C-alpha atoms as a PDB file:
ATOM      1  CA  MET A   1      88.639 101.326 105.971  1.00  0.00           C
ATOM      2  CA  LYS A   2      91.188 103.611 107.649  1.00  0.00           C
ATOM      3  CA  LYS A   3      92.545 106.622 105.778  1.00  0.00           C
ATOM      4  CA  ILE A   4      96.288 107.187 106.190  1.00  0.00           C
ATOM      5  CA  LEU A   5      98.146 110.323 105.135  1.00  0.00           C
ATOM      6  CA  PHE A   6     101.891 110.344 104.497  1.00  0.00           C
ATOM      7  CA  ASP A   7     103.246 113.845 105.070  1.00  0.00           C
ATOM      8  CA  LEU A   8     106.057 114.338 102.553  1.00  0.00           C
ATOM      9  CA  LYS A   9     107.565 117.671 103.554  1.00  0.00           C
ATOM     10  CA  LYS A  10     110.652 117.000 101.437  1.00  0.00           C
ATOM     11  CA  GLU A  11     110.892 114.698  98.441  1.00  0.00           C
ATOM     12  CA  TYR A  12     113.976 112.951  99.793  1.00  0.00           C
ATOM     13  CA  TYR A  13     111.958 111.867 102.845  1.00  0.00           C
ATOM     14  CA  PHE A  14     110.195 109.392 100.557  1.00  0.00           C
ATOM     15  CA  ASN A  15     112.937 106.777 100.911  1.00  0.00           C
ATOM     16  CA  SER A  16     112.655 106.796 104.696  1.00  0.00           C
ATOM     17  CA  LEU A  17     108.879 106.292 104.533  1.00  0.00           C
ATOM     18  CA  PHE A  18     108.697 103.884 101.592  1.00  0.00           C
ATOM     19  CA  PRO A  19     109.244 100.626 103.545  1.00  0.00           C
ATOM     20  CA  ILE A  20     106.337 101.309 105.917  1.00  0.00           C
ATOM     21  CA  TYR A  21     104.190 102.478 102.985  1.00  0.00           C
ATOM     22  CA  LYS A  22     105.000  99.214 101.227  1.00  0.00           C
ATOM     23  CA  GLU A  23     103.960  97.223 104.305  1.00  0.00           C
ATOM     24  CA  LEU A  24     100.743  99.166 104.925  1.00  0.00           C
ATOM     25  CA  LYS A  25      99.785  98.909 101.266  1.00  0.00           C
ATOM     26  CA  LYS A  26      99.499  95.125 101.636  1.00  0.00           C
ATOM     27  CA  ASP A  27      96.591  95.630 104.027  1.00  0.00           C
ATOM     28  CA  PRO A  28      93.254  96.316 102.267  1.00  0.00           C
ATOM     29  CA  ASN A  29      92.005  97.990 105.450  1.00  0.00           C
ATOM     30  CA  TYR A  30      94.195 101.027 104.772  1.00  0.00           C
ATOM     31  CA  ASP A  31      93.549 103.705 102.160  1.00  0.00           C
ATOM     32  CA  ILE A  32      96.815 105.598 101.688  1.00  0.00           C
ATOM     33  CA  TYR A  33      97.466 109.135 100.418  1.00  0.00           C
ATOM     34  CA  PHE A  34     100.470 111.457 100.186  1.00  0.00           C
ATOM     35  CA  ASN A  35     100.529 115.197 100.875  1.00  0.00           C
ATOM     36  CA  ILE A  36     103.479 117.006  99.303  1.00  0.00           C
ATOM     37  CA  GLY A  37     105.384 120.051 100.537  1.00  0.00           C
ATOM     38  CA  LYS A  38     106.879 122.801  98.386  1.00  0.00           C
ATOM     39  CA  ASP A  39     110.501 121.601  98.808  1.00  0.00           C
ATOM     40  CA  GLN A  40     111.763 124.992  97.677  1.00  0.00           C
ATOM     41  CA  LYS A  41     115.001 125.848  95.925  1.00  0.00           C
ATOM     42  CA  ARG A  42     116.647 129.269  95.738  1.00  0.00           C
ATOM     43  CA  PHE A  43     116.940 131.038  92.378  1.00  0.00           C
ATOM     44  CA  LEU A  44     119.358 133.927  91.706  1.00  0.00           C
ATOM     45  CA  GLY A  45     120.227 133.935  95.389  1.00  0.00           C
ATOM     46  CA  ILE A  46     116.911 135.629  96.237  1.00  0.00           C
ATOM     47  CA  PHE A  47     113.762 133.886  95.021  1.00  0.00           C
ATOM     48  CA  LEU A  48     112.410 130.649  96.484  1.00  0.00           C
ATOM     49  CA  LEU A  49     110.762 128.431  93.876  1.00  0.00           C
ATOM     50  CA  SER A  50     108.417 125.563  94.728  1.00  0.00           C
ATOM     51  CA  GLN A  51     109.306 122.108  93.421  1.00  0.00           C
ATOM     52  CA  LYS A  52     105.836 120.737  94.145  1.00  0.00           C
ATOM     53  CA  ASN A  53     104.835 120.185  90.511  1.00  0.00           C
ATOM     54  CA  ASN A  54     107.997 118.224  89.775  1.00  0.00           C
ATOM     55  CA  ILE A  55     107.577 116.122  92.897  1.00  0.00           C
ATOM     56  CA  THR A  56     103.934 115.483  92.001  1.00  0.00           C
ATOM     57  CA  ASP A  57     104.959 114.165  88.591  1.00  0.00           C
ATOM     58  CA  ASN A  58     107.623 111.909  90.115  1.00  0.00           C
ATOM     59  CA  LEU A  59     105.283 110.389  92.695  1.00  0.00           C
ATOM     60  CA  GLN A  60     102.378 109.926  90.310  1.00  0.00           C
ATOM     61  CA  LYS A  61     104.693 107.890  88.099  1.00  0.00           C
ATOM     62  CA  LYS A  62     105.175 105.607  91.110  1.00  0.00           C
ATOM     63  CA  GLY A  63     101.409 105.092  91.263  1.00  0.00           C
ATOM     64  CA  LEU A  64     100.866 106.961  94.542  1.00  0.00           C
ATOM     65  CA  LYS A  65      97.619 108.709  95.436  1.00  0.00           C
ATOM     66  CA  LEU A  66      98.186 112.399  96.133  1.00  0.00           C
ATOM     67  CA  THR A  67      96.018 114.909  97.956  1.00  0.00           C
ATOM     68  CA  ASP A  68      96.119 118.542  99.059  1.00  0.00           C
ATOM     69  CA  GLU A  69      93.882 117.710 102.005  1.00  0.00           C
ATOM     70  CA  LYS A  70      95.288 117.362 105.514  1.00  0.00           C
ATOM     71  CA  LYS A  71      92.219 116.857 107.637  1.00  0.00           C
ATOM     72  CA  GLY A  72      89.907 113.864 107.660  1.00  0.00           C
ATOM     73  CA  PHE A  73      92.574 111.185 108.048  1.00  0.00           C
ATOM     74  CA  ASP A  74      92.711 108.562 110.781  1.00  0.00           C
ATOM     75  CA  ALA A  75      96.491 108.865 111.034  1.00  0.00           C
ATOM     76  CA  VAL A  76      99.309 110.889 109.566  1.00  0.00           C
ATOM     77  CA  ILE A  77     102.813 109.437 109.130  1.00  0.00           C
ATOM     78  CA  CYS A  78     105.690 111.897 108.942  1.00  0.00           C
ATOM     79  CA  GLY A  79     109.463 111.938 108.528  1.00  0.00           C
ATOM     80  CA  ASP A  80     109.793 115.033 110.708  1.00  0.00           C
ATOM     81  CA  ALA A  81     107.586 116.867 113.196  1.00  0.00           C
ATOM     82  CA  LEU A  82     104.592 118.285 111.346  1.00  0.00           C
ATOM     83  CA  LYS A  83     104.635 121.879 110.196  1.00  0.00           C
ATOM     84  CA  ASP A  84     101.412 123.636 111.264  1.00  0.00           C
ATOM     85  CA  PRO A  85     100.299 120.543 113.224  1.00  0.00           C
ATOM     86  CA  GLU A  86      96.878 122.025 113.964  1.00  0.00           C
ATOM     87  CA  SER A  87      96.018 121.895 110.251  1.00  0.00           C
ATOM     88  CA  TYR A  88      95.826 118.078 110.414  1.00  0.00           C
ATOM     89  CA  GLY A  89      92.953 118.089 112.883  1.00  0.00           C
ATOM     90  CA  ASP A  90      92.218 115.332 115.379  1.00  0.00           C
ATOM     91  CA  THR A  91      94.380 112.487 114.158  1.00  0.00           C
ATOM     92  CA  ILE A  92      97.006 109.973 115.249  1.00  0.00           C
ATOM     93  CA  ARG A  93     100.506 111.307 114.602  1.00  0.00           C
ATOM     94  CA  ILE A  94     103.148 108.699 113.749  1.00  0.00           C
ATOM     95  CA  HIS A  95     106.759 109.843 113.562  1.00  0.00           C
ATOM     96  CA  LEU A  96     109.443 107.945 111.646  1.00  0.00           C
ATOM     97  CA  ASP A  97     112.460 110.209 111.451  1.00  0.00           C
ATOM     98  CA  HIS A  98     114.066 110.671 108.031  1.00  0.00           C
ATOM     99  CA  GLY A  99     117.536 110.481 109.600  1.00  0.00           C
ATOM    100  CA  VAL A 100     119.101 108.170 112.172  1.00  0.00           C
ATOM    101  CA  GLY A 101     122.042 110.282 113.185  1.00  0.00           C
ATOM    102  CA  ILE A 102     122.916 112.283 116.304  1.00  0.00           C
ATOM    103  CA  LYS A 103     121.159 115.598 115.608  1.00  0.00           C
ATOM    104  CA  THR A 104     118.751 116.481 118.410  1.00  0.00           C
ATOM    105  CA  LEU A 105     116.332 118.273 116.100  1.00  0.00           C
ATOM    106  CA  ARG A 106     114.420 115.028 115.586  1.00  0.00           C
ATOM    107  CA  ILE A 107     113.178 114.988 119.192  1.00  0.00           C
ATOM    108  CA  ARG A 108     113.356 118.741 119.905  1.00  0.00           C
ATOM    109  CA  ASN A 109     110.800 119.515 117.181  1.00  0.00           C
ATOM    110  CA  ILE A 110     108.337 117.040 118.683  1.00  0.00           C
ATOM    111  CA  VAL A 111     108.694 118.286 122.252  1.00  0.00           C
ATOM    112  CA  LYS A 112     108.216 121.904 121.134  1.00  0.00           C
ATOM    113  CA  GLN A 113     104.708 121.000 119.930  1.00  0.00           C
ATOM    114  CA  LYS A 114     103.318 120.766 123.461  1.00  0.00           C
ATOM    115  CA  ASN A 115      99.663 120.496 122.432  1.00  0.00           C
ATOM    116  CA  PHE A 116     100.148 117.613 120.019  1.00  0.00           C
ATOM    117  CA  HIS A 117     100.866 113.981 120.800  1.00  0.00           C
ATOM    118  CA  TYR A 118     103.154 111.784 118.698  1.00  0.00           C
ATOM    119  CA  HIS A 119     103.860 108.074 118.485  1.00  0.00           C
ATOM    120  CA  VAL A 120     107.619 107.939 117.841  1.00  0.00           C
ATOM    121  CA  PHE A 121     109.441 104.915 116.459  1.00  0.00           C
ATOM    122  CA  LEU A 122     113.143 104.623 117.297  1.00  0.00           C
ATOM    123  CA  GLU A 123     115.928 102.616 115.693  1.00  0.00           C
ATOM    124  CA  GLY A 124     117.496 101.475 118.956  1.00  0.00           C
ATOM    125  CA  GLN A 125     118.244 101.891 122.640  1.00  0.00           C
ATOM    126  CA  TYR A 126     120.653 104.804 122.211  1.00  0.00           C
ATOM    127  CA  TRP A 127     118.003 107.350 121.299  1.00  0.00           C
ATOM    128  CA  TYR A 128     115.611 106.235 124.020  1.00  0.00           C
ATOM    129  CA  ASP A 129     118.383 106.559 126.611  1.00  0.00           C
ATOM    130  CA  TYR A 130     119.181 110.046 125.335  1.00  0.00           C
ATOM    131  CA  ILE A 131     115.517 111.049 125.520  1.00  0.00           C
ATOM    132  CA  LYS A 132     115.372 109.717 129.104  1.00  0.00           C
ATOM    133  CA  SER A 133     118.471 111.727 130.008  1.00  0.00           C
ATOM    134  CA  LEU A 134     116.439 114.847 129.133  1.00  0.00           C
ATOM    135  CA  ASN A 135     113.441 113.590 131.155  1.00  0.00           C
ATOM    136  CA  TRP A 136     111.403 113.618 127.963  1.00  0.00           C
ATOM    137  CA  GLU A 137     110.322 109.985 127.929  1.00  0.00           C
ATOM    138  CA  ASN A 138     106.735 111.048 128.702  1.00  0.00           C
ATOM    139  CA  LYS A 139     106.596 113.732 125.999  1.00  0.00           C
ATOM    140  CA  ALA A 140     105.444 111.136 123.441  1.00  0.00           C
ATOM    141  CA  ASP A 141     104.861 107.404 123.134  1.00  0.00           C
ATOM    142  CA  PHE A 142     108.184 105.824 122.152  1.00  0.00           C
ATOM    143  CA  TYR A 143     108.686 102.402 120.587  1.00  0.00           C
ATOM    144  CA  ILE A 144     112.057 100.720 120.061  1.00  0.00           C
ATOM    145  CA  THR A 145     111.190  98.637 117.021  1.00  0.00           C
ATOM    146  CA  GLY A 146     114.016  99.370 114.658  1.00  0.00           C
ATOM    147  CA  ILE A 147     113.271 101.882 111.918  1.00  0.00           C
ATOM    148  CA  PRO A 148     111.811 100.926 108.510  1.00  0.00           C
ATOM    149  CA  LYS A 149     114.193 103.226 106.647  1.00  0.00           C
ATOM    150  CA  LEU A 150     117.004 100.716 107.235  1.00  0.00           C
ATOM    151  CA  ASP A 151     115.024  97.654 106.106  1.00  0.00           C
ATOM    152  CA  PRO A 152     116.109  97.673 102.426  1.00  0.00           C
ATOM    153  CA  PHE A 153     119.715  97.112 103.530  1.00  0.00           C
ATOM    154  CA  PHE A 154     118.657  93.669 104.713  1.00  0.00           C
ATOM    155  CA  TRP A 155     116.260  92.648 101.945  1.00  0.00           C
ATOM    156  CA  ASN A 156     117.752  89.893  99.785  1.00  0.00           C
ATOM    157  CA  ASN A 157     119.073  91.182  96.459  1.00  0.00           C
ATOM    158  CA  HIS A 158     117.449  94.596  96.890  1.00  0.00           C
ATOM    159  CA  TYR A 159     120.640  96.397  95.896  1.00  0.00           C
ATOM    160  CA  ASP A 160     122.771  95.264  92.962  1.00  0.00           C
ATOM    161  CA  ASN A 161     126.394  96.329  93.375  1.00  0.00           C
ATOM    162  CA  LYS A 162     127.486  94.872  90.033  1.00  0.00           C
ATOM    163  CA  LYS A 163     124.840  96.858  88.194  1.00  0.00           C
ATOM    164  CA  LEU A 164     125.756 100.059  90.049  1.00  0.00           C
ATOM    165  CA  ILE A 165     129.476  99.582  89.376  1.00  0.00           C
ATOM    166  CA  SER A 166     128.659  99.226  85.683  1.00  0.00           C
ATOM    167  CA  LYS A 167     126.498 102.364  85.766  1.00  0.00           C
ATOM    168  CA  LEU A 168     129.219 104.399  87.471  1.00  0.00           C
ATOM    169  CA  LYS A 169     131.921 102.956  85.216  1.00  0.00           C
ATOM    170  CA  ILE A 170     134.230 102.496  88.187  1.00  0.00           C
ATOM    171  CA  ASP A 171     136.921  99.857  88.622  1.00  0.00           C
ATOM    172  CA  PRO A 172     135.466  96.734  90.301  1.00  0.00           C
ATOM    173  CA  ASN A 173     138.950  95.816  91.505  1.00  0.00           C
ATOM    174  CA  LYS A 174     139.377  98.990  93.563  1.00  0.00           C
ATOM    175  CA  LYS A 175     137.910  99.895  96.930  1.00  0.00           C
ATOM    176  CA  THR A 176     135.208 102.572  96.731  1.00  0.00           C
ATOM    177  CA  VAL A 177     135.236 105.670  98.939  1.00  0.00           C
ATOM    178  CA  LEU A 178     131.971 107.583  99.285  1.00  0.00           C
ATOM    179  CA  PHE A 179     132.236 111.259 100.177  1.00  0.00           C
ATOM    180  CA  ALA A 180     128.866 112.344 101.609  1.00  0.00           C
ATOM    181  CA  PRO A 181     129.197 115.603 103.566  1.00  0.00           C
ATOM    182  CA  SER A 182     126.342 117.357 105.293  1.00  0.00           C
ATOM    183  CA  TYR A 183     125.242 120.776 104.025  1.00  0.00           C
ATOM    184  CA  LYS A 184     125.528 122.793 107.267  1.00  0.00           C
ATOM    185  CA  PRO A 185     127.794 122.576 109.113  1.00  0.00           C
ATOM    186  CA  SER A 186     129.906 120.845 106.500  1.00  0.00           C
ATOM    187  CA  CYS A 187     133.428 119.585 105.942  1.00  0.00           C
ATOM    188  CA  ILE A 188     133.195 120.653 102.285  1.00  0.00           C
ATOM    189  CA  LYS A 189     135.092 123.872 102.879  1.00  0.00           C
ATOM    190  CA  TYR A 190     137.953 121.933 104.500  1.00  0.00           C
ATOM    191  CA  LEU A 191     138.319 119.007 102.118  1.00  0.00           C
ATOM    192  CA  LYS A 192     137.227 120.576  98.821  1.00  0.00           C
ATOM    193  CA  GLN A 193     139.555 119.293  96.086  1.00  0.00           C
ATOM    194  CA  LYS A 194     141.739 117.478  98.636  1.00  0.00           C
ATOM    195  CA  ILE A 195     139.360 114.547  98.300  1.00  0.00           C
ATOM    196  CA  THR A 196     140.804 113.783  94.844  1.00  0.00           C
ATOM    197  CA  GLU A 197     144.092 112.708  96.468  1.00  0.00           C
ATOM    198  CA  LEU A 198     142.389 109.341  96.951  1.00  0.00           C
ATOM    199  CA  ILE A 199     142.533 108.866  93.170  1.00  0.00           C
ATOM    200  CA  PRO A 200     143.723 106.667  91.465  1.00  0.00           C
ATOM    201  CA  LYS A 201     144.121 104.202  94.329  1.00  0.00           C
ATOM    202  CA  TYR A 202     140.391 104.233  95.128  1.00  0.00           C
ATOM    203  CA  ASN A 203     137.116 104.797  93.322  1.00  0.00           C
ATOM    204  CA  LEU A 204     135.730 108.147  94.461  1.00  0.00           C
ATOM    205  CA  VAL A 205     131.976 108.722  94.556  1.00  0.00           C
ATOM    206  CA  ILE A 206     130.557 112.041  95.781  1.00  0.00           C
ATOM    207  CA  LYS A 207     126.999 112.311  97.091  1.00  0.00           C
ATOM    208  CA  LEU A 208     125.924 115.775  98.232  1.00  0.00           C
ATOM    209  CA  HIS A 209     123.032 116.466 100.580  1.00  0.00           C
ATOM    210  CA  PRO A 210     119.819 117.528  98.749  1.00  0.00           C
ATOM    211  CA  TYR A 211     120.104 120.934 100.438  1.00  0.00           C
ATOM    212  CA  SER A 212     123.534 121.404  98.838  1.00  0.00           C
ATOM    213  CA  TRP A 213     121.730 121.538  95.487  1.00  0.00           C
ATOM    214  CA  SER A 214     118.725 123.703  96.377  1.00  0.00           C
ATOM    215  CA  GLY A 215     120.503 126.851  97.566  1.00  0.00           C
ATOM    216  CA  LYS A 216     117.902 127.470 100.285  1.00  0.00           C
ATOM    217  CA  TYR A 217     119.848 126.266 103.336  1.00  0.00           C
ATOM    218  CA  ALA A 218     123.330 126.086 101.806  1.00  0.00           C
ATOM    219  CA  PRO A 219     124.997 128.082  99.014  1.00  0.00           C
ATOM    220  CA  HIS A 220     124.856 126.882  95.410  1.00  0.00           C
ATOM    221  CA  SER A 221     128.659 127.030  95.499  1.00  0.00           C
ATOM    222  CA  GLN A 222     128.639 123.621  97.231  1.00  0.00           C
ATOM    223  CA  HIS A 223     127.328 121.737  94.215  1.00  0.00           C
ATOM    224  CA  LYS A 224     128.926 124.031  91.628  1.00  0.00           C
ATOM    225  CA  PHE A 225     132.389 123.292  93.029  1.00  0.00           C
ATOM    226  CA  TYR A 226     131.956 119.528  92.694  1.00  0.00           C
ATOM    227  CA  GLU A 227     130.259 119.781  89.298  1.00  0.00           C
ATOM    228  CA  LYS A 228     133.351 121.562  88.002  1.00  0.00           C
ATOM    229  CA  LEU A 229     135.591 119.054  89.737  1.00  0.00           C
ATOM    230  CA  ALA A 230     133.758 116.087  88.201  1.00  0.00           C
ATOM    231  CA  LYS A 231     134.140 117.591  84.715  1.00  0.00           C
ATOM    232  CA  LYS A 232     137.833 118.127  85.323  1.00  0.00           C
ATOM    233  CA  GLU A 233     138.504 114.746  86.955  1.00  0.00           C
ATOM    234  CA  PRO A 234     137.151 111.789  84.944  1.00  0.00           C
ATOM    235  CA  ASN A 235     137.678 109.488  87.938  1.00  0.00           C
ATOM    236  CA  VAL A 236     135.301 111.463  90.140  1.00  0.00           C
ATOM    237  CA  PHE A 237     131.690 110.309  89.998  1.00  0.00           C
ATOM    238  CA  LEU A 238     129.278 112.969  91.248  1.00  0.00           C
ATOM    239  CA  ILE A 239     125.773 111.674  91.923  1.00  0.00           C
ATOM    240  CA  GLN A 240     123.317 114.092  90.352  1.00  0.00           C
ATOM    241  CA  LYS A 241     120.652 115.933  92.353  1.00  0.00           C
ATOM    242  CA  GLU A 242     117.772 113.904  90.882  1.00  0.00           C
ATOM    243  CA  ASP A 243     119.211 110.771  92.461  1.00  0.00           C
ATOM    244  CA  PHE A 244     118.525 111.606  96.096  1.00  0.00           C
ATOM    245  CA  ASP A 245     118.620 108.016  97.376  1.00  0.00           C
ATOM    246  CA  ILE A 246     122.014 107.488  98.972  1.00  0.00           C
ATOM    247  CA  TYR A 247     121.293 103.936 100.130  1.00  0.00           C
ATOM    248  CA  PRO A 248     122.519 102.083  97.004  1.00  0.00           C
ATOM    249  CA  TYR A 249     125.805 103.971  97.350  1.00  0.00           C
ATOM    250  CA  LEU A 250     126.115 103.256 101.062  1.00  0.00           C
ATOM    251  CA  TYR A 251     125.582  99.591 100.272  1.00  0.00           C
ATOM    252  CA  LEU A 252     128.278  99.727  97.571  1.00  0.00           C
ATOM    253  CA  ALA A 253     130.925 101.771  99.394  1.00  0.00           C
ATOM    254  CA  ASP A 254     133.811 100.232 101.309  1.00  0.00           C
ATOM    255  CA  THR A 255     134.116 103.337 103.458  1.00  0.00           C
ATOM    256  CA  ILE A 256     132.489 106.744 103.773  1.00  0.00           C
ATOM    257  CA  ILE A 257     133.704 110.216 104.706  1.00  0.00           C
ATOM    258  CA  SER A 258     131.216 112.584 106.322  1.00  0.00           C
ATOM    259  CA  ASP A 259     130.810 114.990 109.239  1.00  0.00           C
ATOM    260  CA  THR A 260     127.564 115.400 111.200  1.00  0.00           C
ATOM    261  CA  SER A 261     125.339 113.607 108.699  1.00  0.00           C
ATOM    262  CA  SER A 262     123.099 110.691 109.676  1.00  0.00           C
ATOM    263  CA  VAL A 263     124.761 108.653 106.912  1.00  0.00           C
ATOM    264  CA  ILE A 264     127.516 107.907 109.428  1.00  0.00           C
ATOM    265  CA  ASN A 265     125.107 105.918 111.605  1.00  0.00           C
ATOM    266  CA  GLU A 266     123.455 104.379 108.559  1.00  0.00           C
ATOM    267  CA  PHE A 267     126.876 103.114 107.487  1.00  0.00           C
ATOM    268  CA  LEU A 268     127.350 101.772 111.006  1.00  0.00           C
ATOM    269  CA  ALA A 269     124.132  99.766 110.583  1.00  0.00           C
ATOM    270  CA  LEU A 270     125.838  97.936 107.722  1.00  0.00           C
ATOM    271  CA  GLY A 271     128.731  97.028 110.004  1.00  0.00           C
ATOM    272  CA  LYS A 272     131.202  98.950 107.844  1.00  0.00           C
ATOM    273  CA  PHE A 273     133.779 101.459 109.040  1.00  0.00           C
ATOM    274  CA  GLY A 274     133.350 105.104 108.106  1.00  0.00           C
ATOM    275  CA  ILE A 275     135.379 108.242 108.734  1.00  0.00           C
ATOM    276  CA  ILE A 276     134.118 111.202 110.768  1.00  0.00           C
ATOM    277  CA  TYR A 277     135.509 114.611 109.880  1.00  0.00           C
ATOM    278  CA  GLU A 278     135.574 116.603 113.110  1.00  0.00           C
ATOM    279  CA  LEU A 279     134.649 120.191 112.378  1.00  0.00           C
ATOM    280  CA  PRO A 280     136.599 122.831 114.356  1.00  0.00           C
ATOM    281  CA  ASP A 281     134.863 124.477 117.319  1.00  0.00           C
ATOM    282  CA  MET A 282     132.054 121.997 116.867  1.00  0.00           C
ATOM    283  CA  ASN A 283     129.845 122.586 119.898  1.00  0.00           C
ATOM    284  CA  PRO A 284     126.783 124.131 118.242  1.00  0.00           C
ATOM    285  CA  LYS A 285     123.568 124.914 120.094  1.00  0.00           C
ATOM    286  CA  HIS A 286     119.993 125.704 119.166  1.00  0.00           C
ATOM    287  CA  SER A 287     118.585 129.128 120.000  1.00  0.00           C
ATOM    288  CA  ASP A 288     117.275 127.791 123.312  1.00  0.00           C
ATOM    289  CA  GLY A 289     120.717 126.510 124.330  1.00  0.00           C
ATOM    290  CA  MET A 290     120.067 122.834 123.573  1.00  0.00           C
ATOM    291  CA  PRO A 291     123.057 121.136 121.875  1.00  0.00           C
ATOM    292  CA  ILE A 292     122.502 120.427 118.173  1.00  0.00           C
ATOM    293  CA  LEU A 293     124.270 117.082 118.566  1.00  0.00           C
ATOM    294  CA  SER A 294     123.361 114.406 121.100  1.00  0.00           C
ATOM    295  CA  VAL A 295     127.034 113.499 121.513  1.00  0.00           C
ATOM    296  CA  SER A 296     130.180 115.510 120.816  1.00  0.00           C
ATOM    297  CA  GLN A 297     131.891 114.750 117.539  1.00  0.00           C
ATOM    298  CA  ASP A 298     135.094 113.630 119.207  1.00  0.00           C
ATOM    299  CA  GLU A 299     133.181 110.969 121.186  1.00  0.00           C
ATOM    300  CA  TRP A 300     130.894 109.800 118.370  1.00  0.00           C
ATOM    301  CA  LEU A 301     131.739 106.164 117.533  1.00  0.00           C
ATOM    302  CA  LYS A 302     135.154 106.718 119.115  1.00  0.00           C
ATOM    303  CA  GLY A 303     137.406 103.702 118.847  1.00  0.00           C
ATOM    304  CA  ALA A 304     135.530 102.256 115.875  1.00  0.00           C
ATOM    305  CA  PHE A 305     135.371 104.946 113.196  1.00  0.00           C
ATOM    306  CA  PRO A 306     138.605 106.853 112.457  1.00  0.00           C
ATOM    307  CA  HIS A 307     138.318 110.580 113.157  1.00  0.00           C
ATOM    308  CA  LEU A 308     139.792 113.215 110.904  1.00  0.00           C
ATOM    309  CA  ASN A 309     140.470 116.847 111.822  1.00  0.00           C
ATOM    310  CA  SER A 310     142.865 117.869 109.065  1.00  0.00           C
ATOM    311  CA  PRO A 311     142.744 117.335 105.293  1.00  0.00           C
ATOM    312  CA  ASP A 312     146.380 116.225 105.443  1.00  0.00           C
ATOM    313  CA  LYS A 313     145.376 113.104 107.388  1.00  0.00           C
ATOM    314  CA  LEU A 314     142.826 111.965 104.792  1.00  0.00           C
ATOM    315  CA  LYS A 315     144.766 109.071 103.269  1.00  0.00           C
ATOM    316  CA  LYS A 316     145.772 107.695 106.656  1.00  0.00           C
ATOM    317  CA  ALA A 317     142.163 107.774 107.869  1.00  0.00           C
ATOM    318  CA  VAL A 318     140.955 105.907 104.769  1.00  0.00           C
ATOM    319  CA  GLU A 319     143.614 103.242 105.220  1.00  0.00           C
ATOM    320  CA  SER A 320     142.577 102.816 108.842  1.00  0.00           C
ATOM    321  CA  ALA A 321     138.887 102.443 107.957  1.00  0.00           C
ATOM    322  CA  LEU A 322     139.647  99.873 105.267  1.00  0.00           C
ATOM    323  CA  ASN A 323     141.980  97.895 107.508  1.00  0.00           C
ATOM    324  CA  PRO A 324     140.295  97.903 110.941  1.00  0.00           C
ATOM    325  CA  THR A 325     142.112  96.527 113.958  1.00  0.00           C
ATOM    326  CA  LYS A 326     140.729  93.837 116.250  1.00  0.00           C
ATOM    327  CA  GLU A 327     139.820  96.541 118.774  1.00  0.00           C
ATOM    328  CA  MET A 328     137.935  98.530 116.117  1.00  0.00           C
ATOM    329  CA  LYS A 329     135.977  95.428 115.103  1.00  0.00           C
ATOM    330  CA  GLU A 330     134.980  94.762 118.700  1.00  0.00           C
ATOM    331  CA  LYS A 331     133.983  98.385 119.221  1.00  0.00           C
ATOM    332  CA  ILE A 332     131.852  98.608 116.078  1.00  0.00           C
ATOM    333  CA  GLU A 333     129.757  95.649 117.219  1.00  0.00           C
ATOM    334  CA  GLU A 334     129.227  97.324 120.573  1.00  0.00           C
ATOM    335  CA  TYR A 335     128.053 100.553 118.938  1.00  0.00           C
ATOM    336  CA  LYS A 336     125.896  98.797 116.360  1.00  0.00           C
ATOM    337  CA  ASN A 337     124.048  96.824 119.030  1.00  0.00           C
ATOM    338  CA  TYR A 338     123.461  99.962 121.092  1.00  0.00           C
ATOM    339  CA  PHE A 339     122.378 102.293 118.309  1.00  0.00           C
ATOM    340  CA  PHE A 340     120.194  99.744 116.527  1.00  0.00           C
ATOM    341  CA  THR A 341     117.812  96.954 117.382  1.00  0.00           C
ATOM    342  CA  ASN A 342     116.690  94.160 115.078  1.00  0.00           C
ATOM    343  CA  LEU A 343     118.677  94.873 111.926  1.00  0.00           C
ATOM    344  CA  ASP A 344     116.755  92.186 110.079  1.00  0.00           C
ATOM    345  CA  GLY A 345     114.799  93.985 107.352  1.00  0.00           C
ATOM    346  CA  LYS A 346     111.532  93.546 109.273  1.00  0.00           C
ATOM    347  CA  SER A 347     111.218  96.823 111.180  1.00  0.00           C
ATOM    348  CA  SER A 348     108.371  97.892 108.888  1.00  0.00           C
ATOM    349  CA  VAL A 349     106.491  94.722 109.874  1.00  0.00           C
ATOM    350  CA  ARG A 350     106.895  95.554 113.576  1.00  0.00           C
ATOM    351  CA  VAL A 351     105.942  99.199 113.061  1.00  0.00           C
ATOM    352  CA  LYS A 352     102.866  98.220 111.052  1.00  0.00           C
ATOM    353  CA  LYS A 353     101.783  95.826 113.807  1.00  0.00           C
ATOM    354  CA  LYS A 354     102.135  98.605 116.379  1.00  0.00           C
ATOM    355  CA  ILE A 355     100.216 101.036 114.156  1.00  0.00           C
ATOM    356  CA  ASP A 356      97.393  98.474 113.963  1.00  0.00           C
ATOM    357  CA  GLU A 357      97.325  98.350 117.765  1.00  0.00           C
ATOM    358  CA  ILE A 358      97.365 102.138 118.103  1.00  0.00           C
ATOM    359  CA  MET A 359      94.515 102.513 115.607  1.00  0.00           C
ATOM    360  CA  LYS A 360      92.351  99.982 117.475  1.00  0.00           C
ATOM    361  CA  LYS A 361      93.130 101.561 120.839  1.00  0.00           C
ATOM    362  CA  GLU A 362      92.576 105.201 119.954  1.00  0.00           C
ATOM    363  CA  LYS A 363      89.671 104.611 117.515  1.00  0.00           C
ATOM    364  CA  ILE A 364      89.911 107.968 115.809  1.00  0.00           C
END
């Protein structure tokens, strides 16, 4: 029997790894464990508090086997490049990124670990072409299989929109707009309360990034502002921090407003039109000079997704996304086919098959 370790650095990574866990669990030849990170939050603006005990309780309720051990596993599966990779010993490293957006961190973190080899699974041709443009195609083993994270979108009856509409108490006869900004950089400081101008014509659902709640990487003011707004505006539904799975809401929404978040591409996978808020002077770079984004915001999904660079143009952008032109419909298909391969709900099956092959070949 092969021992597999899922490295869960952040609790919200669980959703991206669950489909492949579900597929591997069917095979009695695999013994599966989870190792949990601290997933810290900031208290009083100074102290960092570990959330490990809370996460442990949540995962044990799901029936998962947890361990503090890192060594002694035949393979480790991660949603980001491993922290302290040497602590995992001689093992097969399988990378399934927790996001499918345009941030280069996903590949940069792997390449920086020069002494450690990864098997990297990609959602489509776009990312492989970008990696080749950097001459990094030999820095890891890459497989264009589709990514398991997206599978639930295409499982029959996995998401229940009627049930979610009832839970949110929103009007089933109105279109639903999902506001899902990133934490840093973020369009929050530009849109703020302006987002409520979409009421009462549309249902407004707000889903903040998990980091917007923790205070470690973004100020607590991000969630406090929208908590106050939701109390003031009965037609604003703010998804609480405990509900970190955005996928049911992506599946429900008719359009989405975001900035640099991977939810933009995830919405693209559904074939629905979102809105990209272009942040001013948005040409950020890592400390080594590498761009943070693989494509500039003004070129990202250009011609398919409406772009917004001023709060005053919000309503017009929403109308455009909800009433796409023929040209927009043609363009979205082009992007979807380039960014993603095999959107059929079976990526986890393909990834599992490849993992089987890797395990037999490397015989660790």
